[in-house]
Amino acid sequence: HRMPVGRADLTFPTAEDAVRILEALLEARIIACANLFPIDSRYRWRGAIERARETAAIVKTGPERWDELCAEVARLHEYEVPCIVRLEGAATAAFGAWVCRETQP
C-alpha cells in the first residue's frame, strides 16, 4: 500500500544555513525529516554561468504543508530565488503515516 508524501529538493549556500532553516522547519512541524549533502553547483544567474559549493536537502512533509514549506523557506533563505522543487512520489503506508503524524500542527 502506498501513500502520497510531499518531498522537496532545496539548496542552501552553506551547511550552517541549511541546518538553521531545516531545524526551524522541524520545530514548526512543517517537515518530518531532512537529508543533507554537499553539492558542487553550476547554474546561470543574471547572464553569467556561476559555480558554487552548496548544501542540498531532500525534505519530507505532508502534502497539505507544501504551501507553508515554500513560504517559510522563502522567508528564512538568503537567496533572492531559493531552489524549492517539489518531487512527486508515494511512500510506503507506514512511512507516509509517520510523515503525516510528524507534520500535524
Protein backbone atom coordinates (compact mmCIF):
# COMPACT_ATOMS: atom_id res chain seq x y z
CA HIS A 1 0.00 0.00 0.00
CA ARG A 2 1.39 3.44 -0.96
CA MET A 3 0.65 6.86 0.49
CA PRO A 4 1.33 10.30 -1.02
CA VAL A 5 4.15 12.18 0.69
CA GLY A 6 5.33 15.69 -0.09
CA ARG A 7 9.03 15.80 -1.00
CA ALA A 8 11.12 18.81 -1.87
CA ASP A 9 14.63 19.40 -3.18
CA LEU A 10 16.20 22.51 -1.59
CA THR A 11 19.64 24.15 -1.87
CA PHE A 12 21.46 26.40 0.60
CA PRO A 13 24.67 28.44 0.40
CA THR A 14 26.22 26.64 3.40
CA ALA A 15 25.59 23.66 5.66
CA GLU A 16 25.05 26.09 8.54
CA ASP A 17 22.28 27.88 6.62
CA ALA A 18 20.69 24.54 5.77
CA VAL A 19 20.74 23.38 9.39
CA ARG A 20 19.34 26.70 10.66
CA ILE A 21 16.40 26.67 8.24
CA LEU A 22 15.71 22.94 8.43
CA GLU A 23 15.71 22.97 12.23
CA ALA A 24 13.16 25.81 12.12
CA LEU A 25 11.00 23.74 9.74
CA LEU A 26 11.29 20.71 12.03
CA GLU A 27 10.41 22.76 15.12
CA ALA A 28 7.34 24.15 13.34
CA ARG A 29 6.39 20.60 12.24
CA ILE A 30 6.40 21.70 8.59
CA ILE A 31 8.74 18.84 7.70
CA ALA A 32 9.17 15.39 9.25
CA CYS A 33 12.80 14.90 8.23
CA ALA A 34 15.60 16.16 6.01
CA ASN A 35 18.62 14.60 4.31
CA LEU A 36 21.59 16.93 3.70
CA PHE A 37 24.57 16.53 1.41
CA PRO A 38 27.26 18.78 -0.12
CA ILE A 39 26.98 19.61 -3.81
CA ASP A 40 29.05 21.38 -6.46
CA SER A 41 26.53 23.52 -8.37
CA ARG A 42 26.61 25.09 -11.82
CA TYR A 43 23.87 27.50 -12.86
CA ARG A 44 23.10 30.53 -14.96
CA TRP A 45 22.41 33.71 -12.96
CA ARG A 46 21.95 37.20 -14.42
CA GLY A 47 23.59 36.28 -17.71
CA ALA A 48 26.64 34.51 -16.31
CA ILE A 49 27.43 30.90 -15.61
CA GLU A 50 28.15 30.53 -11.90
CA ARG A 51 29.78 27.83 -9.81
CA ALA A 52 29.22 27.35 -6.08
CA ARG A 53 29.67 24.85 -3.30
CA GLU A 54 26.25 24.48 -1.72
CA THR A 55 24.35 22.17 0.59
CA ALA A 56 21.33 20.34 -0.79
CA ALA A 57 18.48 18.87 1.20
CA ILE A 58 15.66 16.50 0.44
CA VAL A 59 12.82 17.06 2.88
CA LYS A 60 9.64 15.09 3.52
CA THR A 61 6.37 16.67 4.52
CA GLY A 62 2.65 16.09 4.44
CA PRO A 63 1.16 17.23 1.12
CA GLU A 64 -1.05 19.74 2.93
CA ARG A 65 2.06 21.54 4.30
CA TRP A 66 3.56 22.32 0.85
CA ASP A 67 2.49 25.98 0.71
CA GLU A 68 3.73 26.61 4.24
CA LEU A 69 7.05 24.93 3.41
CA CYS A 70 7.54 27.22 0.40
CA ALA A 71 6.60 30.35 2.36
CA GLU A 72 8.92 29.57 5.29
CA VAL A 73 11.90 28.64 3.13
CA ALA A 74 11.44 31.85 1.10
CA ARG A 75 11.16 33.90 4.32
CA LEU A 76 14.24 32.39 6.02
CA HIS A 77 16.50 31.86 2.98
CA GLU A 78 19.12 34.40 1.94
CA TYR A 79 18.91 33.65 -1.79
CA GLU A 80 16.81 36.03 -3.87
CA VAL A 81 15.35 32.97 -5.65
CA PRO A 82 15.76 29.90 -3.44
CA CYS A 83 15.61 26.48 -5.08
CA ILE A 84 12.40 24.80 -3.93
CA VAL A 85 11.45 21.90 -6.20
CA ARG A 86 8.51 19.62 -5.45
CA LEU A 87 9.20 15.96 -6.16
CA GLU A 88 6.08 13.88 -6.67
CA GLY A 89 6.02 10.48 -5.12
CA ALA A 90 4.48 7.99 -2.80
CA ALA A 91 5.86 6.22 0.23
CA THR A 92 5.07 3.01 2.00
CA ALA A 93 1.94 3.28 4.12
CA ALA A 94 3.99 3.11 7.33
CA PHE A 95 6.45 5.85 6.30
CA GLY A 96 3.67 8.04 4.87
CA ALA A 97 1.66 7.73 8.08
CA TRP A 98 4.75 8.70 10.10
CA VAL A 99 5.35 11.80 7.92
CA CYS A 100 1.71 12.84 8.29
CA ARG A 101 1.82 12.37 12.09
CA GLU A 102 5.04 14.36 12.42
CA THR A 103 3.78 17.28 10.33
CA GLN A 104 0.49 17.82 12.14
CA PRO A 105 0.42 21.34 13.61
